[in-house]
Amino acid sequence: MLTQPHSRARPVRMILAALAVLAAAPAAAALPAGTNQNLTALTRAAARWLRRQPHLKEGKRRIRIQPPDPRLNLPRCSGPEFSLLNPAAAGPRITIRVRCPRPAWQLFLNARVTTWVPVVVARRALGVGMRITRGDIEVLERPLRTLPPSPLSRPAQALGRIIRIGLAPGMALGAAALASPLLIRPGERLRIVAAADGLRVSMAGIAMQAGRRGARILVRNASSGRVLRATVTGPHRVRVGF
C-alpha cells in the first residue's frame, strides 16, 4: 500500500498503512540482504489465513489482496499473526492486520473477497407469462453480491413456475421473478374438502376467483349456493374448515 505523508485528505486504510511503515522501521534503515521480510510470501500467507475464516459466507471465495508497498523494509518475522481490523466485516472489502511479535512491527493489507455460489440462471430470454421448463434454465456460479434477493439454487425450485419479470439470457432467477401457475380459474368446477378431527367431507363447488397453490379464494357450494373462503390445495381442489 503506497503512502503519501504530506497529503491532507486520507482514506482510513491509507493512514493505517502509513502508521505501519513508521512503526516498522526508519525508511533509511536498510536491512542486510536475507534478513528482510518477503512481502510476497507474507501476502500469500494472509490469503491462506483469510480463506480459513469461518465467518465468511459459504461458497467459492476469490480473494484478491493488494500487495504492500515494495519499498517497505521490514525485519523478517518467523511467526506473523493475522487478524481482521473489523472482525464483523464479511466482505467484500476487508482489512487484515499483520502483526509480528518479535521483532515488533505491524502492517495492514487491503483485501477484496468475492463469494461465488451456484444459482439458477436463464439459458435463453424468458418472457412474462412463460412456464419454465428444463431447457429454459441451468445452474452456473455467480458472485453473491450480484444476485437478486432470494436467488434459486436448484432447478426444481423453478420448474413449472411462471415468469413474472422478463429475464435476459444469463440472468439469475430470484423468488420475486416467479409465480406459481394458476390451479383454479373463475367459473371452473372444483372439489371443496372440509376436514377436522378425522372427519372428512367433500362436495362439489364452483370457483369465483382464480388461485394458485396456497391462495385464499372465494368458492360457491354447488348444492347450497353458500359462498365460502377456501385455500387452494391443488388443481381444481380447495380446503375449508368446519
Foldseek 3Di string as FASTA:
>chain_A
DDEDVPDDDDDPQNVQQVVLLVQFDDLPDADPPPFWADQVVVVVVQVVVVVPDPVADDADKDKDKDGRDPSRTGTYAPDKDKDWPDNNDRFQWTKIWIFGPVVTGIHIIIMGIWGKAKFKFFQAKDDFFDADDPVGIDIDIDTPVPADPATHRDVVVRHRWGAHDIHHGPHTDHPVRTHHDWQAAAQDKAWEWEDDPHDIDIAIWGFHHIDGAQDWGWIAGPPPRDIDIWGDHGRRYTYDYD
